[in-house]
Amino acid sequence: GDYVHFGEQYQGEAGPLDMDYYVLRDNLDKAKKQFKDAKRTI
């Protein structure tokens, strides 16, 4: 698709974990808010 990317790093039990997010261009702002659950899930 027509993806855009953002990401972060989580300091987990086995060290730094790269967490990458690929979303459609128009949904970038919504994703930056909603995907906060990702790190909380890990």
PDB file of all heavy atoms in Angstrom:
ATOM      1  N   GLY A   1       0.818  -1.207   0.000  1.00  0.00           N
ATOM      2  CA  GLY A   1       0.000   0.000   0.000  1.00  0.00           C
ATOM      3  C   GLY A   1       0.846   1.247   0.000  1.00  0.00           C
ATOM      4  O   GLY A   1       2.084   1.206  -0.057  1.00  0.00           O
ATOM      5  N   ASP A   2       0.174   2.370   0.103  1.00  0.00           N
ATOM      6  CA  ASP A   2       0.831   3.681   0.178  1.00  0.00           C
ATOM      7  C   ASP A   2       1.121   3.965   1.650  1.00  0.00           C
ATOM      8  O   ASP A   2       0.467   4.791   2.298  1.00  0.00           O
ATOM      9  CB  ASP A   2      -0.081   4.751  -0.430  1.00  0.00           C
ATOM     10  CG  ASP A   2       0.541   6.135  -0.406  1.00  0.00           C
ATOM     11  OD1 ASP A   2       1.796   6.227  -0.411  1.00  0.00           O
ATOM     12  OD2 ASP A   2      -0.217   7.131  -0.380  1.00  0.00           O
ATOM     13  N   TYR A   3       2.134   3.276   2.187  1.00  0.00           N
ATOM     14  CA  TYR A   3       2.421   3.320   3.612  1.00  0.00           C
ATOM     15  C   TYR A   3       3.361   4.462   3.980  1.00  0.00           C
ATOM     16  O   TYR A   3       4.231   4.864   3.198  1.00  0.00           O
ATOM     17  CB  TYR A   3       3.069   2.009   4.060  1.00  0.00           C
ATOM     18  CG  TYR A   3       2.133   0.830   4.160  1.00  0.00           C
ATOM     19  CD1 TYR A   3       2.236  -0.247   3.281  1.00  0.00           C
ATOM     20  CD2 TYR A   3       1.145   0.780   5.153  1.00  0.00           C
ATOM     21  CE1 TYR A   3       1.393  -1.348   3.382  1.00  0.00           C
ATOM     22  CE2 TYR A   3       0.305  -0.314   5.257  1.00  0.00           C
ATOM     23  CZ  TYR A   3       0.429  -1.374   4.369  1.00  0.00           C
ATOM     24  OH  TYR A   3      -0.417  -2.457   4.485  1.00  0.00           O
ATOM     25  N   VAL A   4       3.177   4.960   5.202  1.00  0.00           N
ATOM     26  CA  VAL A   4       4.159   5.822   5.847  1.00  0.00           C
ATOM     27  C   VAL A   4       4.573   5.139   7.139  1.00  0.00           C
ATOM     28  O   VAL A   4       3.863   4.261   7.656  1.00  0.00           O
ATOM     29  CB  VAL A   4       3.600   7.231   6.127  1.00  0.00           C
ATOM     30  CG1 VAL A   4       3.342   7.968   4.826  1.00  0.00           C
ATOM     31  CG2 VAL A   4       2.316   7.158   6.961  1.00  0.00           C
ATOM     32  N   HIS A   5       5.729   5.526   7.660  1.00  0.00           N
ATOM     33  CA  HIS A   5       6.332   4.812   8.778  1.00  0.00           C
ATOM     34  C   HIS A   5       6.611   5.739   9.950  1.00  0.00           C
ATOM     35  O   HIS A   5       6.979   6.900   9.780  1.00  0.00           O
ATOM     36  CB  HIS A   5       7.644   4.156   8.322  1.00  0.00           C
ATOM     37  CG  HIS A   5       8.505   3.679   9.458  1.00  0.00           C
ATOM     38  ND1 HIS A   5       9.548   4.431   9.971  1.00  0.00           N
ATOM     39  CD2 HIS A   5       8.473   2.534  10.184  1.00  0.00           C
ATOM     40  CE1 HIS A   5      10.119   3.770  10.961  1.00  0.00           C
ATOM     41  NE2 HIS A   5       9.492   2.614  11.107  1.00  0.00           N
ATOM     42  N   PHE A   6       6.413   5.230  11.146  1.00  0.00           N
ATOM     43  CA  PHE A   6       6.974   5.845  12.346  1.00  0.00           C
ATOM     44  C   PHE A   6       7.317   4.704  13.298  1.00  0.00           C
ATOM     45  O   PHE A   6       6.933   3.556  13.077  1.00  0.00           O
ATOM     46  CB  PHE A   6       6.019   6.866  12.983  1.00  0.00           C
ATOM     47  CG  PHE A   6       4.762   6.284  13.596  1.00  0.00           C
ATOM     48  CD1 PHE A   6       4.651   6.126  14.965  1.00  0.00           C
ATOM     49  CD2 PHE A   6       3.683   5.926  12.789  1.00  0.00           C
ATOM     50  CE1 PHE A   6       3.490   5.615  15.538  1.00  0.00           C
ATOM     51  CE2 PHE A   6       2.518   5.412  13.352  1.00  0.00           C
ATOM     52  CZ  PHE A   6       2.420   5.251  14.723  1.00  0.00           C
ATOM     53  N   GLY A   7       8.063   4.992  14.319  1.00  0.00           N
ATOM     54  CA  GLY A   7       8.484   3.922  15.210  1.00  0.00           C
ATOM     55  C   GLY A   7       8.992   4.427  16.539  1.00  0.00           C
ATOM     56  O   GLY A   7       9.042   5.638  16.806  1.00  0.00           O
ATOM     57  N   GLU A   8       9.363   3.488  17.374  1.00  0.00           N
ATOM     58  CA  GLU A   8       9.903   3.793  18.690  1.00  0.00           C
ATOM     59  C   GLU A   8      10.719   2.590  19.150  1.00  0.00           C
ATOM     60  O   GLU A   8      10.776   1.557  18.478  1.00  0.00           O
ATOM     61  CB  GLU A   8       8.779   4.098  19.680  1.00  0.00           C
ATOM     62  CG  GLU A   8       7.788   2.943  19.863  1.00  0.00           C
ATOM     63  CD  GLU A   8       6.605   3.332  20.735  1.00  0.00           C
ATOM     64  OE1 GLU A   8       6.765   4.215  21.605  1.00  0.00           O
ATOM     65  OE2 GLU A   8       5.519   2.745  20.555  1.00  0.00           O
ATOM     66  N   GLN A   9      11.332   2.716  20.285  1.00  0.00           N
ATOM     67  CA  GLN A   9      12.108   1.616  20.848  1.00  0.00           C
ATOM     68  C   GLN A   9      11.642   1.375  22.278  1.00  0.00           C
ATOM     69  O   GLN A   9      11.439   2.312  23.049  1.00  0.00           O
ATOM     70  CB  GLN A   9      13.601   1.939  20.821  1.00  0.00           C
ATOM     71  CG  GLN A   9      14.501   0.723  20.833  1.00  0.00           C
ATOM     72  CD  GLN A   9      15.955   1.075  20.627  1.00  0.00           C
ATOM     73  OE1 GLN A   9      16.581   1.704  21.485  1.00  0.00           O
ATOM     74  NE2 GLN A   9      16.519   0.670  19.492  1.00  0.00           N
ATOM     75  N   TYR A  10      11.464   0.102  22.609  1.00  0.00           N
ATOM     76  CA  TYR A  10      11.035  -0.274  23.943  1.00  0.00           C
ATOM     77  C   TYR A  10      12.183  -0.971  24.665  1.00  0.00           C
ATOM     78  O   TYR A  10      12.807  -1.880  24.118  1.00  0.00           O
ATOM     79  CB  TYR A  10       9.822  -1.209  23.867  1.00  0.00           C
ATOM     80  CG  TYR A  10       9.376  -1.756  25.200  1.00  0.00           C
ATOM     81  CD1 TYR A  10       8.798  -0.916  26.152  1.00  0.00           C
ATOM     82  CD2 TYR A  10       9.545  -3.100  25.522  1.00  0.00           C
ATOM     83  CE1 TYR A  10       8.392  -1.407  27.386  1.00  0.00           C
ATOM     84  CE2 TYR A  10       9.141  -3.604  26.753  1.00  0.00           C
ATOM     85  CZ  TYR A  10       8.571  -2.754  27.679  1.00  0.00           C
ATOM     86  OH  TYR A  10       8.180  -3.232  28.900  1.00  0.00           O
ATOM     87  N   GLN A  11      12.476  -0.545  25.874  1.00  0.00           N
ATOM     88  CA  GLN A  11      13.525  -1.174  26.672  1.00  0.00           C
ATOM     89  C   GLN A  11      12.918  -2.360  27.405  1.00  0.00           C
ATOM     90  O   GLN A  11      12.349  -2.236  28.476  1.00  0.00           O
ATOM     91  CB  GLN A  11      14.125  -0.157  27.654  1.00  0.00           C
ATOM     92  CG  GLN A  11      14.805   1.016  26.982  1.00  0.00           C
ATOM     93  CD  GLN A  11      15.958   0.587  26.075  1.00  0.00           C
ATOM     94  OE1 GLN A  11      16.734  -0.310  26.417  1.00  0.00           O
ATOM     95  NE2 GLN A  11      16.068   1.235  24.915  1.00  0.00           N
ATOM     96  N   GLY A  12      13.031  -3.516  26.773  1.00  0.00           N
ATOM     97  CA  GLY A  12      12.379  -4.703  27.292  1.00  0.00           C
ATOM     98  C   GLY A  12      13.300  -5.610  28.073  1.00  0.00           C
ATOM     99  O   GLY A  12      14.460  -5.278  28.356  1.00  0.00           O
ATOM    100  N   GLU A  13      12.797  -6.784  28.415  1.00  0.00           N
ATOM    101  CA  GLU A  13      13.548  -7.724  29.240  1.00  0.00           C
ATOM    102  C   GLU A  13      14.807  -8.225  28.543  1.00  0.00           C
ATOM    103  O   GLU A  13      15.786  -8.582  29.202  1.00  0.00           O
ATOM    104  CB  GLU A  13      12.663  -8.912  29.613  1.00  0.00           C
ATOM    105  CG  GLU A  13      11.581  -8.583  30.627  1.00  0.00           C
ATOM    106  CD  GLU A  13      10.933  -9.830  31.206  1.00  0.00           C
ATOM    107  OE1 GLU A  13      11.526 -10.939  31.084  1.00  0.00           O
ATOM    108  OE2 GLU A  13       9.845  -9.713  31.794  1.00  0.00           O
ATOM    109  N   ALA A  14      14.790  -8.269  27.217  1.00  0.00           N
ATOM    110  CA  ALA A  14      15.948  -8.768  26.473  1.00  0.00           C
ATOM    111  C   ALA A  14      16.717  -7.643  25.794  1.00  0.00           C
ATOM    112  O   ALA A  14      17.493  -7.888  24.867  1.00  0.00           O
ATOM    113  CB  ALA A  14      15.501  -9.803  25.441  1.00  0.00           C
ATOM    114  N   GLY A  15      16.487  -6.403  26.255  1.00  0.00           N
ATOM    115  CA  GLY A  15      17.201  -5.272  25.670  1.00  0.00           C
ATOM    116  C   GLY A  15      16.283  -4.369  24.878  1.00  0.00           C
ATOM    117  O   GLY A  15      15.054  -4.424  25.004  1.00  0.00           O
ATOM    118  N   PRO A  16      16.846  -3.518  24.025  1.00  0.00           N
ATOM    119  CA  PRO A  16      16.018  -2.615  23.225  1.00  0.00           C
ATOM    120  C   PRO A  16      15.277  -3.367  22.123  1.00  0.00           C
ATOM    121  O   PRO A  16      15.874  -4.143  21.380  1.00  0.00           O
ATOM    122  CB  PRO A  16      17.024  -1.617  22.646  1.00  0.00           C
ATOM    123  CG  PRO A  16      18.331  -2.334  22.664  1.00  0.00           C
ATOM    124  CD  PRO A  16      18.296  -3.263  23.839  1.00  0.00           C
ATOM    125  N   LEU A  17      13.976  -3.146  22.040  1.00  0.00           N
ATOM    126  CA  LEU A  17      13.134  -3.767  21.017  1.00  0.00           C
ATOM    127  C   LEU A  17      12.669  -2.691  20.045  1.00  0.00           C
ATOM    128  O   LEU A  17      12.017  -1.723  20.435  1.00  0.00           O
ATOM    129  CB  LEU A  17      11.918  -4.443  21.657  1.00  0.00           C
ATOM    130  CG  LEU A  17      10.855  -4.991  20.698  1.00  0.00           C
ATOM    131  CD1 LEU A  17      11.441  -6.103  19.819  1.00  0.00           C
ATOM    132  CD2 LEU A  17       9.633  -5.482  21.457  1.00  0.00           C
ATOM    133  N   ASP A  18      13.014  -2.864  18.778  1.00  0.00           N
ATOM    134  CA  ASP A  18      12.546  -1.941  17.743  1.00  0.00           C
ATOM    135  C   ASP A  18      11.075  -2.209  17.460  1.00  0.00           C
ATOM    136  O   ASP A  18      10.679  -3.336  17.162  1.00  0.00           O
ATOM    137  CB  ASP A  18      13.356  -2.112  16.459  1.00  0.00           C
ATOM    138  CG  ASP A  18      14.805  -1.678  16.629  1.00  0.00           C
ATOM    139  OD1 ASP A  18      15.043  -0.715  17.382  1.00  0.00           O
ATOM    140  OD2 ASP A  18      15.692  -2.312  16.029  1.00  0.00           O
ATOM    141  N   MET A  19      10.269  -1.150  17.536  1.00  0.00           N
ATOM    142  CA  MET A  19       8.835  -1.245  17.276  1.00  0.00           C
ATOM    143  C   MET A  19       8.507  -0.288  16.130  1.00  0.00           C
ATOM    144  O   MET A  19       8.628   0.928  16.273  1.00  0.00           O
ATOM    145  CB  MET A  19       8.036  -0.915  18.538  1.00  0.00           C
ATOM    146  CG  MET A  19       8.380  -1.817  19.719  1.00  0.00           C
ATOM    147  SD  MET A  19       7.385  -1.510  21.197  1.00  0.00           S
ATOM    148  CE  MET A  19       5.758  -2.045  20.646  1.00  0.00           C
ATOM    149  N   ASP A  20       8.116  -0.849  15.002  1.00  0.00           N
ATOM    150  CA  ASP A  20       7.866  -0.071  13.795  1.00  0.00           C
ATOM    151  C   ASP A  20       6.399  -0.152  13.405  1.00  0.00           C
ATOM    152  O   ASP A  20       5.770  -1.218  13.518  1.00  0.00           O
ATOM    153  CB  ASP A  20       8.735  -0.583  12.646  1.00  0.00           C
ATOM    154  CG  ASP A  20      10.215  -0.353  12.903  1.00  0.00           C
ATOM    155  OD1 ASP A  20      10.639   0.810  12.845  1.00  0.00           O
ATOM    156  OD2 ASP A  20      10.931  -1.342  13.162  1.00  0.00           O
ATOM    157  N   TYR A  21       5.875   0.970  12.909  1.00  0.00           N
ATOM    158  CA  TYR A  21       4.471   1.054  12.557  1.00  0.00           C
ATOM    159  C   TYR A  21       4.343   1.562  11.125  1.00  0.00           C
ATOM    160  O   TYR A  21       4.950   2.578  10.757  1.00  0.00           O
ATOM    161  CB  TYR A  21       3.745   1.992  13.528  1.00  0.00           C
ATOM    162  CG  TYR A  21       4.046   1.685  14.982  1.00  0.00           C
ATOM    163  CD1 TYR A  21       4.689   2.623  15.797  1.00  0.00           C
ATOM    164  CD2 TYR A  21       3.707   0.461  15.536  1.00  0.00           C
ATOM    165  CE1 TYR A  21       4.984   2.335  17.121  1.00  0.00           C
ATOM    166  CE2 TYR A  21       3.993   0.166  16.867  1.00  0.00           C
ATOM    167  CZ  TYR A  21       4.637   1.104  17.657  1.00  0.00           C
ATOM    168  OH  TYR A  21       4.924   0.812  18.962  1.00  0.00           O
ATOM    169  N   TYR A  22       3.559   0.834  10.326  1.00  0.00           N
ATOM    170  CA  TYR A  22       3.320   1.200   8.933  1.00  0.00           C
ATOM    171  C   TYR A  22       1.820   1.360   8.731  1.00  0.00           C
ATOM    172  O   TYR A  22       1.050   0.409   8.929  1.00  0.00           O
ATOM    173  CB  TYR A  22       3.869   0.131   7.992  1.00  0.00           C
ATOM    174  CG  TYR A  22       5.374   0.030   8.007  1.00  0.00           C
ATOM    175  CD1 TYR A  22       6.026  -0.807   8.928  1.00  0.00           C
ATOM    176  CD2 TYR A  22       6.153   0.751   7.112  1.00  0.00           C
ATOM    177  CE1 TYR A  22       7.409  -0.906   8.952  1.00  0.00           C
ATOM    178  CE2 TYR A  22       7.543   0.663   7.135  1.00  0.00           C
ATOM    179  CZ  TYR A  22       8.154  -0.170   8.044  1.00  0.00           C
ATOM    180  OH  TYR A  22       9.521  -0.271   8.069  1.00  0.00           O
ATOM    181  N   VAL A  23       1.412   2.568   8.358  1.00  0.00           N
ATOM    182  CA  VAL A  23      -0.014   2.872   8.218  1.00  0.00           C
ATOM    183  C   VAL A  23      -0.239   3.633   6.925  1.00  0.00           C
ATOM    184  O   VAL A  23       0.689   4.219   6.351  1.00  0.00           O
ATOM    185  CB  VAL A  23      -0.524   3.701   9.415  1.00  0.00           C
ATOM    186  CG1 VAL A  23      -0.324   2.932  10.723  1.00  0.00           C
ATOM    187  CG2 VAL A  23       0.165   5.057   9.490  1.00  0.00           C
ATOM    188  N   LEU A  24      -1.478   3.649   6.464  1.00  0.00           N
ATOM    189  CA  LEU A  24      -1.805   4.439   5.286  1.00  0.00           C
ATOM    190  C   LEU A  24      -1.575   5.920   5.573  1.00  0.00           C
ATOM    191  O   LEU A  24      -1.775   6.399   6.700  1.00  0.00           O
ATOM    192  CB  LEU A  24      -3.250   4.198   4.864  1.00  0.00           C
ATOM    193  CG  LEU A  24      -3.585   2.781   4.371  1.00  0.00           C
ATOM    194  CD1 LEU A  24      -5.039   2.708   3.925  1.00  0.00           C
ATOM    195  CD2 LEU A  24      -2.659   2.356   3.235  1.00  0.00           C
ATOM    196  N   ARG A  25      -1.168   6.614   4.546  1.00  0.00           N
ATOM    197  CA  ARG A  25      -0.746   8.013   4.683  1.00  0.00           C
ATOM    198  C   ARG A  25      -1.768   8.874   5.419  1.00  0.00           C
ATOM    199  O   ARG A  25      -1.418   9.681   6.282  1.00  0.00           O
ATOM    200  CB  ARG A  25      -0.495   8.570   3.273  1.00  0.00           C
ATOM    201  CG  ARG A  25       0.186   9.926   3.236  1.00  0.00           C
ATOM    202  CD  ARG A  25       0.549  10.282   1.807  1.00  0.00           C
ATOM    203  NE  ARG A  25       1.429   9.265   1.210  1.00  0.00           N
ATOM    204  CZ  ARG A  25       2.737   9.245   1.376  1.00  0.00           C
ATOM    205  NH1 ARG A  25       3.330  10.155   2.129  1.00  0.00           N
ATOM    206  NH2 ARG A  25       3.455   8.296   0.794  1.00  0.00           N
ATOM    207  N   ASP A  26      -3.042   8.695   5.107  1.00  0.00           N
ATOM    208  CA  ASP A  26      -4.080   9.547   5.704  1.00  0.00           C
ATOM    209  C   ASP A  26      -4.338   9.238   7.169  1.00  0.00           C
ATOM    210  O   ASP A  26      -5.026  10.003   7.853  1.00  0.00           O
ATOM    211  CB  ASP A  26      -5.390   9.400   4.924  1.00  0.00           C
ATOM    212  CG  ASP A  26      -5.333  10.035   3.546  1.00  0.00           C
ATOM    213  OD1 ASP A  26      -4.321  10.707   3.241  1.00  0.00           O
ATOM    214  OD2 ASP A  26      -6.296   9.854   2.766  1.00  0.00           O
ATOM    215  N   ASN A  27      -3.822   8.110   7.668  1.00  0.00           N
ATOM    216  CA  ASN A  27      -4.131   7.686   9.040  1.00  0.00           C
ATOM    217  C   ASN A  27      -2.979   7.884  10.011  1.00  0.00           C
ATOM    218  O   ASN A  27      -3.033   7.391  11.143  1.00  0.00           O
ATOM    219  CB  ASN A  27      -4.535   6.207   9.033  1.00  0.00           C
ATOM    220  CG  ASN A  27      -5.834   5.966   8.293  1.00  0.00           C
ATOM    221  OD1 ASN A  27      -6.704   6.832   8.243  1.00  0.00           O
ATOM    222  ND2 ASN A  27      -5.968   4.794   7.690  1.00  0.00           N
ATOM    223  N   LEU A  28      -1.964   8.616   9.595  1.00  0.00           N
ATOM    224  CA  LEU A  28      -0.768   8.751  10.422  1.00  0.00           C
ATOM    225  C   LEU A  28      -1.069   9.357  11.788  1.00  0.00           C
ATOM    226  O   LEU A  28      -0.633   8.831  12.817  1.00  0.00           O
ATOM    227  CB  LEU A  28       0.278   9.595   9.693  1.00  0.00           C
ATOM    228  CG  LEU A  28       1.594   9.831  10.446  1.00  0.00           C
ATOM    229  CD1 LEU A  28       2.286   8.511  10.754  1.00  0.00           C
ATOM    230  CD2 LEU A  28       2.511  10.749   9.629  1.00  0.00           C
ATOM    231  N   ASP A  29      -1.817  10.430  11.834  1.00  0.00           N
ATOM    232  CA  ASP A  29      -2.094  11.093  13.112  1.00  0.00           C
ATOM    233  C   ASP A  29      -2.898  10.190  14.047  1.00  0.00           C
ATOM    234  O   ASP A  29      -2.619  10.116  15.247  1.00  0.00           O
ATOM    235  CB  ASP A  29      -2.837  12.413  12.883  1.00  0.00           C
ATOM    236  CG  ASP A  29      -1.953  13.476  12.232  1.00  0.00           C
ATOM    237  OD1 ASP A  29      -0.716  13.346  12.324  1.00  0.00           O
ATOM    238  OD2 ASP A  29      -2.504  14.411  11.625  1.00  0.00           O
ATOM    239  N   LYS A  30      -3.897   9.521  13.493  1.00  0.00           N
ATOM    240  CA  LYS A  30      -4.704   8.606  14.310  1.00  0.00           C
ATOM    241  C   LYS A  30      -3.854   7.455  14.848  1.00  0.00           C
ATOM    242  O   LYS A  30      -4.004   7.041  15.999  1.00  0.00           O
ATOM    243  CB  LYS A  30      -5.874   8.063  13.481  1.00  0.00           C
ATOM    244  CG  LYS A  30      -6.961   9.070  13.185  1.00  0.00           C
ATOM    245  CD  LYS A  30      -8.153   8.441  12.509  1.00  0.00           C
ATOM    246  CE  LYS A  30      -7.849   8.062  11.071  1.00  0.00           C
ATOM    247  NZ  LYS A  30      -9.069   7.593  10.355  1.00  0.00           N
ATOM    248  N   ALA A  31      -2.958   6.958  14.003  1.00  0.00           N
ATOM    249  CA  ALA A  31      -2.125   5.831  14.411  1.00  0.00           C
ATOM    250  C   ALA A  31      -1.167   6.210  15.532  1.00  0.00           C
ATOM    251  O   ALA A  31      -0.934   5.423  16.458  1.00  0.00           O
ATOM    252  CB  ALA A  31      -1.351   5.297  13.210  1.00  0.00           C
ATOM    253  N   LYS A  32      -0.602   7.404  15.455  1.00  0.00           N
ATOM    254  CA  LYS A  32       0.333   7.831  16.502  1.00  0.00           C
ATOM    255  C   LYS A  32      -0.339   7.877  17.864  1.00  0.00           C
ATOM    256  O   LYS A  32       0.304   7.676  18.898  1.00  0.00           O
ATOM    257  CB  LYS A  32       0.927   9.191  16.141  1.00  0.00           C
ATOM    258  CG  LYS A  32       1.959   9.129  15.016  1.00  0.00           C
ATOM    259  CD  LYS A  32       2.580  10.488  14.755  1.00  0.00           C
ATOM    260  CE  LYS A  32       3.696  10.378  13.722  1.00  0.00           C
ATOM    261  NZ  LYS A  32       4.330  11.694  13.427  1.00  0.00           N
ATOM    262  N   LYS A  33      -1.618   8.130  17.877  1.00  0.00           N
ATOM    263  CA  LYS A  33      -2.363   8.146  19.139  1.00  0.00           C
ATOM    264  C   LYS A  33      -2.779   6.724  19.550  1.00  0.00           C
ATOM    265  O   LYS A  33      -2.533   6.293  20.677  1.00  0.00           O
ATOM    266  CB  LYS A  33      -3.602   9.029  19.003  1.00  0.00           C
ATOM    267  CG  LYS A  33      -4.476   9.064  20.242  1.00  0.00           C
ATOM    268  CD  LYS A  33      -5.701   9.937  20.038  1.00  0.00           C
ATOM    269  CE  LYS A  33      -6.615   9.937  21.256  1.00  0.00           C
ATOM    270  NZ  LYS A  33      -7.838  10.761  21.042  1.00  0.00           N
ATOM    271  N   GLN A  34      -3.373   5.981  18.618  1.00  0.00           N
ATOM    272  CA  GLN A  34      -3.940   4.678  18.952  1.00  0.00           C
ATOM    273  C   GLN A  34      -2.871   3.628  19.228  1.00  0.00           C
ATOM    274  O   GLN A  34      -3.051   2.751  20.079  1.00  0.00           O
ATOM    275  CB  GLN A  34      -4.847   4.192  17.819  1.00  0.00           C
ATOM    276  CG  GLN A  34      -5.702   2.985  18.169  1.00  0.00           C
ATOM    277  CD  GLN A  34      -6.783   3.304  19.204  1.00  0.00           C
ATOM    278  OE1 GLN A  34      -7.081   4.459  19.480  1.00  0.00           O
ATOM    279  NE2 GLN A  34      -7.372   2.266  19.786  1.00  0.00           N
ATOM    280  N   PHE A  35      -1.760   3.717  18.544  1.00  0.00           N
ATOM    281  CA  PHE A  35      -0.740   2.672  18.673  1.00  0.00           C
ATOM    282  C   PHE A  35       0.083   2.793  19.953  1.00  0.00           C
ATOM    283  O   PHE A  35       1.011   2.004  20.171  1.00  0.00           O
ATOM    284  CB  PHE A  35       0.179   2.673  17.454  1.00  0.00           C
ATOM    285  CG  PHE A  35      -0.438   2.048  16.219  1.00  0.00           C
ATOM    286  CD1 PHE A  35      -1.778   1.681  16.192  1.00  0.00           C
ATOM    287  CD2 PHE A  35       0.320   1.823  15.079  1.00  0.00           C
ATOM    288  CE1 PHE A  35      -2.356   1.114  15.065  1.00  0.00           C
ATOM    289  CE2 PHE A  35      -0.248   1.253  13.949  1.00  0.00           C
ATOM    290  CZ  PHE A  35      -1.580   0.895  13.936  1.00  0.00           C
ATOM    291  N   LYS A  36      -0.295   3.713  20.827  1.00  0.00           N
ATOM    292  CA  LYS A  36       0.331   3.749  22.145  1.00  0.00           C
ATOM    293  C   LYS A  36       0.047   2.467  22.922  1.00  0.00           C
ATOM    294  O   LYS A  36       0.797   2.097  23.825  1.00  0.00           O
ATOM    295  CB  LYS A  36      -0.150   4.970  22.927  1.00  0.00           C
ATOM    296  CG  LYS A  36       0.377   6.294  22.379  1.00  0.00           C
ATOM    297  CD  LYS A  36      -0.143   7.483  23.188  1.00  0.00           C
ATOM    298  CE  LYS A  36       0.386   8.804  22.613  1.00  0.00           C
ATOM    299  NZ  LYS A  36      -0.124   9.976  23.355  1.00  0.00           N
ATOM    300  N   ASP A  37      -1.027   1.778  22.539  1.00  0.00           N
ATOM    301  CA  ASP A  37      -1.335   0.503  23.183  1.00  0.00           C
ATOM    302  C   ASP A  37      -0.302  -0.567  22.856  1.00  0.00           C
ATOM    303  O   ASP A  37      -0.206  -1.577  23.559  1.00  0.00           O
ATOM    304  CB  ASP A  37      -2.728   0.011  22.753  1.00  0.00           C
ATOM    305  CG  ASP A  37      -3.796   0.269  23.813  1.00  0.00           C
ATOM    306  OD1 ASP A  37      -3.453   0.822  24.879  1.00  0.00           O
ATOM    307  OD2 ASP A  37      -4.964  -0.095  23.584  1.00  0.00           O
ATOM    308  N   ALA A  38       0.467  -0.373  21.787  1.00  0.00           N
ATOM    309  CA  ALA A  38       1.435  -1.396  21.395  1.00  0.00           C
ATOM    310  C   ALA A  38       2.525  -1.575  22.453  1.00  0.00           C
ATOM    311  O   ALA A  38       2.809  -2.694  22.887  1.00  0.00           O
ATOM    312  CB  ALA A  38       2.044  -1.049  20.045  1.00  0.00           C
ATOM    313  N   LYS A  39       3.133  -0.492  22.870  1.00  0.00           N
ATOM    314  CA  LYS A  39       4.189  -0.582  23.874  1.00  0.00           C
ATOM    315  C   LYS A  39       3.614  -1.083  25.204  1.00  0.00           C
ATOM    316  O   LYS A  39       4.252  -1.874  25.903  1.00  0.00           O
ATOM    317  CB  LYS A  39       4.868   0.782  24.061  1.00  0.00           C
ATOM    318  CG  LYS A  39       6.029   0.738  25.032  1.00  0.00           C
ATOM    319  CD  LYS A  39       6.634   2.122  25.281  1.00  0.00           C
ATOM    320  CE  LYS A  39       7.503   2.568  24.137  1.00  0.00           C
ATOM    321  NZ  LYS A  39       8.272   3.804  24.466  1.00  0.00           N
ATOM    322  N   ARG A  40       2.412  -0.633  25.552  1.00  0.00           N
ATOM    323  CA  ARG A  40       1.773  -1.084  26.786  1.00  0.00           C
ATOM    324  C   ARG A  40       1.485  -2.591  26.730  1.00  0.00           C
ATOM    325  O   ARG A  40       1.544  -3.299  27.744  1.00  0.00           O
ATOM    326  CB  ARG A  40       0.475  -0.305  27.017  1.00  0.00           C
ATOM    327  CG  ARG A  40       0.695   1.101  27.518  1.00  0.00           C
ATOM    328  CD  ARG A  40      -0.417   2.086  27.138  1.00  0.00           C
ATOM    329  NE  ARG A  40      -1.755   1.554  27.126  1.00  0.00           N
ATOM    330  CZ  ARG A  40      -2.600   1.565  28.166  1.00  0.00           C
ATOM    331  NH1 ARG A  40      -2.200   2.067  29.324  1.00  0.00           N
ATOM    332  NH2 ARG A  40      -3.807   1.093  28.036  1.00  0.00           N
ATOM    333  N   THR A  41       1.194  -3.074  25.523  1.00  0.00           N
ATOM    334  CA  THR A  41       0.943  -4.507  25.345  1.00  0.00           C
ATOM    335  C   THR A  41       2.216  -5.315  25.548  1.00  0.00           C
ATOM    336  O   THR A  41       2.211  -6.336  26.253  1.00  0.00           O
ATOM    337  CB  THR A  41       0.362  -4.763  23.942  1.00  0.00           C
ATOM    338  OG1 THR A  41      -0.889  -4.075  23.813  1.00  0.00           O
ATOM    339  CG2 THR A  41       0.138  -6.249  23.710  1.00  0.00           C
ATOM    340  N   ILE A  42       3.297  -4.881  24.929  1.00  0.00           N
ATOM    341  CA  ILE A  42       4.567  -5.590  25.106  1.00  0.00           C
ATOM    342  C   ILE A  42       4.965  -5.593  26.586  1.00  0.00           C
ATOM    343  O   ILE A  42       5.427  -6.604  27.119  1.00  0.00           O
ATOM    344  CB  ILE A  42       5.670  -4.951  24.245  1.00  0.00           C
ATOM    345  CG1 ILE A  42       5.308  -5.036  22.754  1.00  0.00           C
ATOM    346  CG2 ILE A  42       7.009  -5.628  24.506  1.00  0.00           C
ATOM    347  CD1 ILE A  42       5.181  -6.442  22.221  1.00  0.00           C
TER     348      ILE A  42
END
